[in-house]
Amino acid sequence: MNDARDRDPLHQDQSILLGLGANLDGLFGPPVATLETALKRLEAEGIRVAARSRWRRTPPWPPGSDQPDYVNGAALLETDLEPEALLTILLKVEAEMGRTREAVWAPRVCDLDLLTCGQILRPDAEEWLRLSEAVHPPLDQPFLVLPHPRLHLRFFALEPAAELAPHWRHPVFGRDLVEMAGRLGGG
């Protein structure tokens, strides 16, 4: 699914990147089957999956959690939808896959995280930094924070995203995905 667009560093700053993860069997089978089904549902909603990373098995987050390993990956999306409308569809697809939200960092059947929408920064840089430093998502967190406020802290999200858009630069830190992943050193 990779195309010339994915190798164009200028175009990669416009990348809409989706993080995918699951560590429980669900209505559609084991994690990989569920995540594959979720990608098909996005296509059915008119969201083009232009490229996708390979699946990776990763330990649960936060480290030391007593739950099964995750399957994680990323997808490069193409859509004319506004970010809020896209997020609404992602939440709908998660629910269709059997996702329930009972606790922060609980095991899950399907997790679809909007990682980037080009260079969109929401809210402003100062508020984004406050939200990114929170251990748990704060109760006053806006519906949509872009880029994902903890992307730069999670190798399991950075590595597959870097596979698709290595030159995408974080609008607050100015680092590309490969550099951010390298700083975490794979752990």
N, C-alpha and C. Protein backbone atom coordinates (compact mmCIF):
# COMPACT_ATOMS: atom_id res chain seq x y z
N MET A 1 0.80 -1.20 0.00
CA MET A 1 0.00 0.00 0.00
C MET A 1 0.84 1.27 0.00
N ASN A 2 2.12 1.18 0.25
CA ASN A 2 2.95 2.37 0.25
C ASN A 2 3.00 2.95 -1.15
N ASP A 3 3.00 4.28 -1.26
CA ASP A 3 3.10 4.92 -2.56
C ASP A 3 4.12 6.06 -2.46
N ALA A 4 4.32 6.77 -3.58
CA ALA A 4 5.33 7.83 -3.62
C ALA A 4 5.05 8.92 -2.59
N ARG A 5 3.78 9.14 -2.28
CA ARG A 5 3.40 10.16 -1.29
C ARG A 5 4.10 9.89 0.05
N ASP A 6 4.22 8.61 0.42
CA ASP A 6 4.80 8.25 1.71
C ASP A 6 6.29 8.55 1.76
N ARG A 7 6.93 8.62 0.61
CA ARG A 7 8.38 8.86 0.60
C ARG A 7 8.71 10.34 0.40
N ASP A 8 7.72 11.18 0.24
CA ASP A 8 7.92 12.61 0.00
C ASP A 8 7.94 13.36 1.32
N PRO A 9 9.14 13.81 1.78
CA PRO A 9 9.24 14.45 3.09
C PRO A 9 8.35 15.69 3.23
N LEU A 10 8.14 16.45 2.17
CA LEU A 10 7.30 17.63 2.27
C LEU A 10 5.85 17.24 2.51
N HIS A 11 5.41 16.21 1.81
CA HIS A 11 4.02 15.78 1.95
C HIS A 11 3.77 15.10 3.29
N GLN A 12 4.81 14.51 3.87
CA GLN A 12 4.63 13.78 5.13
C GLN A 12 4.23 14.70 6.27
N ASP A 13 4.53 15.99 6.18
CA ASP A 13 4.09 16.90 7.23
C ASP A 13 2.57 17.03 7.24
N GLN A 14 1.90 16.56 6.19
CA GLN A 14 0.44 16.59 6.13
C GLN A 14 -0.17 15.24 6.51
N SER A 15 0.64 14.34 7.01
CA SER A 15 0.21 12.98 7.30
C SER A 15 -0.87 12.92 8.38
N ILE A 16 -1.91 12.14 8.07
CA ILE A 16 -2.91 11.77 9.07
C ILE A 16 -2.54 10.37 9.50
N LEU A 17 -2.02 10.25 10.70
CA LEU A 17 -1.54 8.96 11.19
C LEU A 17 -2.45 8.44 12.29
N LEU A 18 -2.79 7.17 12.16
CA LEU A 18 -3.64 6.48 13.11
C LEU A 18 -2.82 5.41 13.81
N GLY A 19 -2.87 5.38 15.14
CA GLY A 19 -2.27 4.30 15.90
C GLY A 19 -3.34 3.27 16.20
N LEU A 20 -2.99 1.99 16.06
CA LEU A 20 -3.93 0.90 16.33
C LEU A 20 -3.32 -0.03 17.36
N GLY A 21 -4.15 -0.54 18.26
CA GLY A 21 -3.67 -1.48 19.26
C GLY A 21 -4.80 -2.32 19.82
N ALA A 22 -4.46 -3.51 20.27
CA ALA A 22 -5.42 -4.41 20.91
C ALA A 22 -4.64 -5.48 21.65
N ASN A 23 -5.22 -5.94 22.78
CA ASN A 23 -4.59 -7.06 23.48
C ASN A 23 -5.60 -8.07 24.02
N LEU A 24 -6.84 -7.97 23.58
CA LEU A 24 -7.87 -8.94 23.95
C LEU A 24 -8.57 -9.46 22.70
N ASP A 25 -8.97 -10.72 22.75
CA ASP A 25 -9.81 -11.24 21.68
C ASP A 25 -11.16 -10.54 21.74
N GLY A 26 -11.79 -10.39 20.59
CA GLY A 26 -13.07 -9.70 20.55
C GLY A 26 -14.06 -10.38 19.63
N LEU A 27 -15.06 -9.65 19.23
CA LEU A 27 -16.13 -10.16 18.38
C LEU A 27 -15.60 -10.67 17.04
N PHE A 28 -14.48 -10.14 16.59
CA PHE A 28 -13.95 -10.48 15.27
C PHE A 28 -12.71 -11.38 15.36
N GLY A 29 -12.45 -11.91 16.56
CA GLY A 29 -11.33 -12.83 16.72
C GLY A 29 -10.21 -12.22 17.53
N PRO A 30 -8.98 -12.74 17.32
CA PRO A 30 -7.83 -12.23 18.06
C PRO A 30 -7.49 -10.81 17.63
N PRO A 31 -6.58 -10.15 18.36
CA PRO A 31 -6.28 -8.74 18.09
C PRO A 31 -6.00 -8.39 16.62
N VAL A 32 -5.16 -9.15 15.94
CA VAL A 32 -4.86 -8.78 14.54
C VAL A 32 -6.12 -8.80 13.69
N ALA A 33 -6.96 -9.81 13.86
CA ALA A 33 -8.21 -9.89 13.08
C ALA A 33 -9.11 -8.70 13.39
N THR A 34 -9.19 -8.31 14.64
CA THR A 34 -10.02 -7.17 15.03
C THR A 34 -9.48 -5.89 14.40
N LEU A 35 -8.17 -5.67 14.47
CA LEU A 35 -7.59 -4.46 13.91
C LEU A 35 -7.72 -4.42 12.38
N GLU A 36 -7.58 -5.56 11.74
CA GLU A 36 -7.79 -5.63 10.28
C GLU A 36 -9.24 -5.27 9.95
N THR A 37 -10.17 -5.78 10.73
CA THR A 37 -11.59 -5.46 10.53
C THR A 37 -11.84 -3.98 10.74
N ALA A 38 -11.21 -3.39 11.75
CA ALA A 38 -11.36 -1.96 12.01
C ALA A 38 -10.90 -1.14 10.81
N LEU A 39 -9.78 -1.52 10.19
CA LEU A 39 -9.31 -0.81 9.00
C LEU A 39 -10.31 -0.92 7.86
N LYS A 40 -10.91 -2.09 7.69
CA LYS A 40 -11.94 -2.27 6.65
C LYS A 40 -13.16 -1.40 6.94
N ARG A 41 -13.53 -1.27 8.21
CA ARG A 41 -14.67 -0.43 8.59
C ARG A 41 -14.37 1.04 8.28
N LEU A 42 -13.14 1.48 8.49
CA LEU A 42 -12.78 2.85 8.15
C LEU A 42 -12.93 3.08 6.64
N GLU A 43 -12.48 2.11 5.85
CA GLU A 43 -12.64 2.22 4.39
C GLU A 43 -14.12 2.31 4.03
N ALA A 44 -14.97 1.52 4.71
CA ALA A 44 -16.41 1.55 4.45
C ALA A 44 -17.02 2.90 4.81
N GLU A 45 -16.36 3.63 5.71
CA GLU A 45 -16.82 4.97 6.11
C GLU A 45 -16.27 6.05 5.18
N GLY A 46 -15.55 5.65 4.13
CA GLY A 46 -15.02 6.60 3.17
C GLY A 46 -13.65 7.16 3.52
N ILE A 47 -12.97 6.53 4.47
CA ILE A 47 -11.62 6.96 4.87
C ILE A 47 -10.63 6.01 4.21
N ARG A 48 -9.79 6.55 3.34
CA ARG A 48 -8.83 5.70 2.61
C ARG A 48 -7.64 5.37 3.50
N VAL A 49 -7.32 4.09 3.56
CA VAL A 49 -6.10 3.63 4.24
C VAL A 49 -5.03 3.57 3.15
N ALA A 50 -4.19 4.61 3.10
CA ALA A 50 -3.20 4.76 2.03
C ALA A 50 -1.99 3.86 2.24
N ALA A 51 -1.66 3.59 3.49
CA ALA A 51 -0.51 2.74 3.81
C ALA A 51 -0.68 2.27 5.25
N ARG A 52 -0.02 1.18 5.56
CA ARG A 52 -0.06 0.68 6.94
C ARG A 52 1.26 0.04 7.29
N SER A 53 1.55 0.06 8.57
CA SER A 53 2.79 -0.53 9.06
C SER A 53 2.60 -2.03 9.24
N ARG A 54 3.67 -2.67 9.60
CA ARG A 54 3.56 -4.08 10.00
C ARG A 54 3.03 -4.11 11.43
N TRP A 55 2.45 -5.24 11.81
CA TRP A 55 1.98 -5.41 13.19
C TRP A 55 3.16 -5.75 14.07
N ARG A 56 3.14 -5.26 15.30
CA ARG A 56 4.20 -5.51 16.28
C ARG A 56 3.57 -6.01 17.57
N ARG A 57 4.23 -6.94 18.22
CA ARG A 57 3.80 -7.37 19.55
C ARG A 57 4.61 -6.57 20.56
N THR A 58 3.92 -5.90 21.48
CA THR A 58 4.58 -5.01 22.42
C THR A 58 4.06 -5.25 23.83
N PRO A 59 4.87 -4.96 24.84
CA PRO A 59 4.40 -5.11 26.21
C PRO A 59 3.32 -4.07 26.52
N PRO A 60 2.48 -4.36 27.51
CA PRO A 60 1.41 -3.41 27.85
C PRO A 60 1.95 -2.11 28.41
N TRP A 61 1.10 -1.09 28.31
CA TRP A 61 1.41 0.23 28.86
C TRP A 61 0.43 0.51 29.97
N PRO A 62 0.83 1.05 31.09
CA PRO A 62 2.21 1.38 31.43
C PRO A 62 3.02 0.13 31.73
N PRO A 63 4.35 0.25 31.69
CA PRO A 63 5.21 -0.91 31.96
C PRO A 63 4.85 -1.58 33.29
N GLY A 64 4.89 -2.91 33.29
CA GLY A 64 4.59 -3.66 34.50
C GLY A 64 3.12 -4.00 34.67
N SER A 65 2.28 -3.56 33.74
CA SER A 65 0.84 -3.87 33.82
C SER A 65 0.63 -5.37 33.74
N ASP A 66 -0.31 -5.85 34.52
CA ASP A 66 -0.63 -7.28 34.53
C ASP A 66 -1.73 -7.54 33.50
N GLN A 67 -1.34 -7.58 32.23
CA GLN A 67 -2.27 -7.85 31.14
C GLN A 67 -1.50 -8.42 29.96
N PRO A 68 -2.20 -8.98 28.99
CA PRO A 68 -1.50 -9.56 27.83
C PRO A 68 -0.75 -8.51 27.02
N ASP A 69 0.24 -8.98 26.26
CA ASP A 69 0.94 -8.10 25.32
C ASP A 69 -0.05 -7.56 24.30
N TYR A 70 0.31 -6.43 23.71
CA TYR A 70 -0.50 -5.79 22.68
C TYR A 70 0.00 -6.17 21.29
N VAL A 71 -0.89 -6.02 20.33
CA VAL A 71 -0.53 -5.94 18.92
C VAL A 71 -0.72 -4.48 18.57
N ASN A 72 0.34 -3.84 18.03
CA ASN A 72 0.28 -2.42 17.67
C ASN A 72 0.71 -2.22 16.24
N GLY A 73 0.18 -1.18 15.64
CA GLY A 73 0.54 -0.79 14.29
C GLY A 73 0.08 0.63 14.04
N ALA A 74 0.26 1.07 12.79
CA ALA A 74 -0.17 2.42 12.40
C ALA A 74 -0.70 2.36 10.98
N ALA A 75 -1.51 3.35 10.65
CA ALA A 75 -2.03 3.48 9.29
C ALA A 75 -1.96 4.94 8.89
N LEU A 76 -1.68 5.17 7.62
CA LEU A 76 -1.69 6.49 7.03
C LEU A 76 -3.04 6.65 6.35
N LEU A 77 -3.81 7.64 6.79
CA LEU A 77 -5.17 7.83 6.29
C LEU A 77 -5.25 9.00 5.33
N GLU A 78 -6.23 8.92 4.43
CA GLU A 78 -6.56 10.04 3.55
C GLU A 78 -8.04 10.29 3.67
N THR A 79 -8.40 11.52 3.99
CA THR A 79 -9.80 11.90 4.13
C THR A 79 -9.90 13.42 4.04
N ASP A 80 -11.08 13.88 3.64
CA ASP A 80 -11.37 15.31 3.65
C ASP A 80 -12.10 15.71 4.92
N LEU A 81 -12.33 14.76 5.81
CA LEU A 81 -13.03 15.05 7.06
C LEU A 81 -12.21 15.98 7.95
N GLU A 82 -12.91 16.82 8.69
CA GLU A 82 -12.26 17.61 9.73
C GLU A 82 -11.82 16.65 10.85
N PRO A 83 -10.77 16.99 11.60
CA PRO A 83 -10.28 16.09 12.65
C PRO A 83 -11.36 15.63 13.64
N GLU A 84 -12.26 16.52 14.05
CA GLU A 84 -13.31 16.13 15.01
C GLU A 84 -14.24 15.08 14.42
N ALA A 85 -14.59 15.24 13.14
CA ALA A 85 -15.46 14.26 12.48
C ALA A 85 -14.74 12.92 12.32
N LEU A 86 -13.45 12.97 12.01
CA LEU A 86 -12.66 11.75 11.90
C LEU A 86 -12.60 11.04 13.26
N LEU A 87 -12.34 11.78 14.33
CA LEU A 87 -12.29 11.17 15.66
C LEU A 87 -13.63 10.54 16.02
N THR A 88 -14.72 11.18 15.67
CA THR A 88 -16.05 10.61 15.95
C THR A 88 -16.21 9.26 15.26
N ILE A 89 -15.74 9.15 14.02
CA ILE A 89 -15.82 7.87 13.31
C ILE A 89 -14.90 6.84 13.97
N LEU A 90 -13.71 7.24 14.38
CA LEU A 90 -12.80 6.30 15.05
C LEU A 90 -13.45 5.73 16.31
N LEU A 91 -14.09 6.58 17.10
CA LEU A 91 -14.75 6.12 18.32
C LEU A 91 -15.92 5.18 17.98
N LYS A 92 -16.63 5.48 16.92
CA LYS A 92 -17.73 4.61 16.47
C LYS A 92 -17.20 3.23 16.07
N VAL A 93 -16.12 3.21 15.31
CA VAL A 93 -15.54 1.92 14.88
C VAL A 93 -15.02 1.15 16.08
N GLU A 94 -14.36 1.82 17.03
CA GLU A 94 -13.92 1.13 18.25
C GLU A 94 -15.11 0.44 18.92
N ALA A 95 -16.20 1.14 19.07
CA ALA A 95 -17.40 0.57 19.72
C ALA A 95 -17.93 -0.61 18.92
N GLU A 96 -17.93 -0.51 17.60
CA GLU A 96 -18.38 -1.62 16.76
C GLU A 96 -17.50 -2.85 16.93
N MET A 97 -16.23 -2.63 17.23
CA MET A 97 -15.29 -3.73 17.44
C MET A 97 -15.45 -4.34 18.84
N GLY A 98 -16.22 -3.69 19.70
CA GLY A 98 -16.45 -4.20 21.05
C GLY A 98 -15.73 -3.45 22.15
N ARG A 99 -15.14 -2.30 21.82
CA ARG A 99 -14.40 -1.51 22.82
C ARG A 99 -15.36 -0.90 23.84
N THR A 100 -15.01 -1.06 25.09
CA THR A 100 -15.70 -0.36 26.17
C THR A 100 -14.64 0.44 26.93
N ARG A 101 -15.05 1.52 27.54
CA ARG A 101 -14.13 2.39 28.28
C ARG A 101 -14.49 2.34 29.75
N GLU A 102 -13.76 1.48 30.48
CA GLU A 102 -14.06 1.31 31.90
C GLU A 102 -12.97 1.88 32.79
N ALA A 103 -11.73 1.86 32.33
CA ALA A 103 -10.62 2.37 33.14
C ALA A 103 -9.49 2.80 32.22
N VAL A 104 -8.68 3.76 32.69
CA VAL A 104 -7.51 4.20 31.94
C VAL A 104 -6.51 3.05 31.88
N TRP A 105 -5.95 2.81 30.73
CA TRP A 105 -4.93 1.79 30.48
C TRP A 105 -5.41 0.37 30.77
N ALA A 106 -6.70 0.14 30.67
CA ALA A 106 -7.23 -1.22 30.83
C ALA A 106 -6.96 -2.01 29.56
N PRO A 107 -6.94 -3.35 29.65
CA PRO A 107 -6.84 -4.15 28.42
C PRO A 107 -7.98 -3.76 27.48
N ARG A 108 -7.75 -3.92 26.19
CA ARG A 108 -8.79 -3.51 25.25
C ARG A 108 -8.83 -4.37 24.00
N VAL A 109 -10.03 -4.42 23.44
CA VAL A 109 -10.29 -5.16 22.21
C VAL A 109 -9.80 -4.37 21.00
N CYS A 110 -9.94 -3.06 21.05
CA CYS A 110 -9.56 -2.21 19.91
C CYS A 110 -9.31 -0.79 20.40
N ASP A 111 -8.17 -0.26 20.05
CA ASP A 111 -7.82 1.12 20.39
C ASP A 111 -7.37 1.80 19.11
N LEU A 112 -8.07 2.85 18.72
CA LEU A 112 -7.74 3.64 17.53
C LEU A 112 -7.41 5.04 18.00
N ASP A 113 -6.15 5.43 17.90
CA ASP A 113 -5.70 6.74 18.36
C ASP A 113 -5.32 7.62 17.18
N LEU A 114 -5.94 8.77 17.07
CA LEU A 114 -5.56 9.75 16.06
C LEU A 114 -4.26 10.39 16.54
N LEU A 115 -3.15 10.03 15.88
CA LEU A 115 -1.83 10.48 16.31
C LEU A 115 -1.49 11.86 15.77
N THR A 116 -1.74 12.06 14.46
CA THR A 116 -1.43 13.34 13.82
C THR A 116 -2.48 13.65 12.76
N CYS A 117 -2.68 14.92 12.53
CA CYS A 117 -3.45 15.43 11.39
C CYS A 117 -2.61 16.53 10.77
N GLY A 118 -1.62 16.12 9.99
CA GLY A 118 -0.69 17.09 9.43
C GLY A 118 0.01 17.83 10.53
N GLN A 119 0.06 19.14 10.41
CA GLN A 119 0.73 19.98 11.40
C GLN A 119 -0.27 20.67 12.33
N ILE A 120 -1.50 20.18 12.36
CA ILE A 120 -2.49 20.77 13.25
C ILE A 120 -2.04 20.60 14.69
N LEU A 121 -2.11 21.69 15.44
CA LEU A 121 -1.77 21.70 16.86
C LEU A 121 -3.00 22.21 17.61
N ARG A 122 -3.57 21.33 18.42
CA ARG A 122 -4.76 21.70 19.21
C ARG A 122 -4.60 21.18 20.61
N PRO A 123 -4.81 21.94 21.64
CA PRO A 123 -4.99 23.39 21.64
C PRO A 123 -3.66 24.08 21.32
N ASP A 124 -3.40 25.27 21.84
CA ASP A 124 -2.14 25.97 21.55
C ASP A 124 -0.97 25.24 22.22
N ALA A 125 0.25 25.64 21.87
CA ALA A 125 1.46 24.93 22.33
C ALA A 125 1.56 24.88 23.85
N GLU A 126 1.25 25.96 24.54
CA GLU A 126 1.36 25.97 26.00
C GLU A 126 0.39 24.97 26.63
N GLU A 127 -0.85 24.98 26.20
CA GLU A 127 -1.84 24.05 26.75
C GLU A 127 -1.52 22.62 26.32
N TRP A 128 -1.04 22.44 25.09
CA TRP A 128 -0.65 21.11 24.62
C TRP A 128 0.43 20.54 25.53
N LEU A 129 1.43 21.35 25.87
CA LEU A 129 2.51 20.87 26.75
C LEU A 129 1.97 20.49 28.12
N ARG A 130 1.05 21.26 28.67
CA ARG A 130 0.45 20.93 29.96
C ARG A 130 -0.24 19.57 29.89
N LEU A 131 -1.00 19.35 28.83
CA LEU A 131 -1.71 18.08 28.68
C LEU A 131 -0.76 16.92 28.45
N SER A 132 0.34 17.17 27.73
CA SER A 132 1.28 16.09 27.43
C SER A 132 2.07 15.64 28.65
N GLU A 133 2.16 16.50 29.66
CA GLU A 133 2.92 16.17 30.87
C GLU A 133 2.07 15.48 31.92
N ALA A 134 0.76 15.40 31.71
CA ALA A 134 -0.13 14.76 32.67
C ALA A 134 0.08 13.25 32.65
N VAL A 135 0.15 12.63 33.81
CA VAL A 135 0.32 11.18 33.90
C VAL A 135 -0.93 10.47 33.35
N HIS A 136 -2.10 10.94 33.75
CA HIS A 136 -3.37 10.44 33.23
C HIS A 136 -4.02 11.56 32.44
N PRO A 137 -4.82 11.24 31.43
CA PRO A 137 -5.54 12.32 30.75
C PRO A 137 -6.38 13.09 31.77
N PRO A 138 -6.18 14.40 31.87
CA PRO A 138 -6.93 15.17 32.85
C PRO A 138 -8.41 15.26 32.50
N LEU A 139 -9.25 15.44 33.52
CA LEU A 139 -10.68 15.53 33.32
C LEU A 139 -11.05 16.69 32.40
N ASP A 140 -10.24 17.75 32.41
CA ASP A 140 -10.55 18.91 31.58
C ASP A 140 -9.91 18.83 30.19
N GLN A 141 -9.40 17.66 29.81
CA GLN A 141 -8.78 17.52 28.50
C GLN A 141 -9.83 17.73 27.42
N PRO A 142 -9.50 18.52 26.39
CA PRO A 142 -10.45 18.72 25.29
C PRO A 142 -10.75 17.40 24.58
N PHE A 143 -11.85 17.40 23.82
CA PHE A 143 -12.27 16.23 23.05
C PHE A 143 -11.15 15.76 22.13
N LEU A 144 -10.42 16.69 21.54
CA LEU A 144 -9.38 16.35 20.58
C LEU A 144 -8.12 17.15 20.88
N VAL A 145 -7.01 16.43 21.07
CA VAL A 145 -5.71 17.04 21.27
C VAL A 145 -4.81 16.51 20.16
N LEU A 146 -4.20 17.41 19.40
CA LEU A 146 -3.33 17.02 18.28
C LEU A 146 -2.02 17.78 18.34
N PRO A 147 -0.91 17.06 18.02
CA PRO A 147 -0.83 15.61 17.89
C PRO A 147 -1.19 14.93 19.22
N HIS A 148 -1.33 13.61 19.17
CA HIS A 148 -1.68 12.87 20.38
C HIS A 148 -0.73 13.33 21.49
N PRO A 149 -1.26 13.68 22.65
CA PRO A 149 -0.42 14.30 23.69
C PRO A 149 0.66 13.42 24.30
N ARG A 150 0.60 12.12 24.08
CA ARG A 150 1.64 11.25 24.63
C ARG A 150 2.37 10.45 23.55
N LEU A 151 2.18 10.84 22.29
CA LEU A 151 2.86 10.16 21.18
C LEU A 151 4.37 10.12 21.41
N HIS A 152 4.96 11.23 21.79
CA HIS A 152 6.42 11.33 21.94
C HIS A 152 6.98 10.47 23.07
N LEU A 153 6.11 9.90 23.90
CA LEU A 153 6.53 9.08 25.03
C LEU A 153 6.37 7.58 24.79
N ARG A 154 5.81 7.20 23.67
CA ARG A 154 5.41 5.81 23.46
C ARG A 154 6.07 5.21 22.22
N PHE A 155 7.08 4.41 22.46
CA PHE A 155 7.78 3.75 21.36
C PHE A 155 6.83 2.89 20.54
N PHE A 156 5.86 2.23 21.21
CA PHE A 156 4.94 1.35 20.50
C PHE A 156 4.07 2.11 19.49
N ALA A 157 3.94 3.42 19.63
CA ALA A 157 3.22 4.24 18.66
C ALA A 157 4.18 4.91 17.68
N LEU A 158 5.33 5.37 18.19
CA LEU A 158 6.30 6.06 17.33
C LEU A 158 6.89 5.15 16.26
N GLU A 159 7.28 3.94 16.64
CA GLU A 159 7.95 3.06 15.70
C GLU A 159 7.09 2.75 14.47
N PRO A 160 5.82 2.30 14.63
CA PRO A 160 5.03 2.05 13.42
C PRO A 160 4.69 3.33 12.66
N ALA A 161 4.48 4.45 13.36
CA ALA A 161 4.20 5.71 12.68
C ALA A 161 5.41 6.14 11.85
N ALA A 162 6.61 5.96 12.40
CA ALA A 162 7.84 6.31 11.68
C ALA A 162 8.06 5.45 10.45
N GLU A 163 7.53 4.24 10.48
CA GLU A 163 7.61 3.36 9.31
C GLU A 163 6.86 3.98 8.13
N LEU A 164 5.80 4.71 8.42
CA LEU A 164 4.96 5.28 7.37
C LEU A 164 5.31 6.71 7.00
N ALA A 165 5.70 7.50 7.96
CA ALA A 165 5.96 8.93 7.72
C ALA A 165 7.18 9.37 8.54
N PRO A 166 8.36 8.84 8.19
CA PRO A 166 9.54 9.10 9.03
C PRO A 166 9.90 10.57 9.15
N HIS A 167 9.54 11.38 8.18
CA HIS A 167 9.95 12.78 8.20
C HIS A 167 8.89 13.73 8.76
N TRP A 168 7.75 13.18 9.24
CA TRP A 168 6.75 14.05 9.87
C TRP A 168 7.39 14.68 11.10
N ARG A 169 7.27 15.99 11.22
CA ARG A 169 7.88 16.73 12.33
C ARG A 169 6.82 17.16 13.33
N HIS A 170 7.15 16.93 14.59
CA HIS A 170 6.24 17.31 15.67
C HIS A 170 6.17 18.84 15.74
N PRO A 171 4.97 19.42 15.72
CA PRO A 171 4.85 20.89 15.68
C PRO A 171 5.29 21.59 16.97
N VAL A 172 5.44 20.88 18.07
CA VAL A 172 5.92 21.50 19.31
C VAL A 172 7.42 21.25 19.48
N PHE A 173 7.86 20.02 19.27
CA PHE A 173 9.26 19.67 19.53
C PHE A 173 10.18 19.86 18.33
N GLY A 174 9.62 19.89 17.12
CA GLY A 174 10.43 20.06 15.92
C GLY A 174 11.22 18.83 15.52
N ARG A 175 10.99 17.70 16.17
CA ARG A 175 11.70 16.45 15.85
C ARG A 175 10.84 15.58 14.96
N ASP A 176 11.50 14.79 14.09
CA ASP A 176 10.72 13.87 13.27
C ASP A 176 10.47 12.57 14.04
N LEU A 177 9.61 11.74 13.48
CA LEU A 177 9.20 10.51 14.18
C LEU A 177 10.38 9.57 14.43
N VAL A 178 11.28 9.46 13.48
CA VAL A 178 12.44 8.58 13.64
C VAL A 178 13.30 9.06 14.81
N GLU A 179 13.54 10.36 14.88
CA GLU A 179 14.35 10.90 15.98
C GLU A 179 13.67 10.68 17.33
N MET A 180 12.36 10.91 17.38
CA MET A 180 11.66 10.70 18.65
C MET A 180 11.71 9.24 19.07
N ALA A 181 11.52 8.32 18.12
CA ALA A 181 11.60 6.90 18.44
C ALA A 181 13.01 6.53 18.91
N GLY A 182 14.02 7.07 18.24
CA GLY A 182 15.40 6.79 18.61
C GLY A 182 15.74 7.27 20.01
N ARG A 183 15.16 8.38 20.44
CA ARG A 183 15.40 8.91 21.78
C ARG A 183 14.88 7.96 22.86
N LEU A 184 13.82 7.21 22.52
CA LEU A 184 13.28 6.26 23.49
C LEU A 184 14.03 4.94 23.47
N GLY A 185 14.80 4.70 22.42
CA GLY A 185 15.65 3.53 22.36
C GLY A 185 14.94 2.21 22.36
N GLY A 186 13.72 2.18 21.86
CA GLY A 186 13.02 0.91 21.72
C GLY A 186 12.38 0.40 22.99
N GLY A 187 12.25 1.23 24.00
CA GLY A 187 11.65 0.70 25.21
C GLY A 187 10.58 1.54 25.78
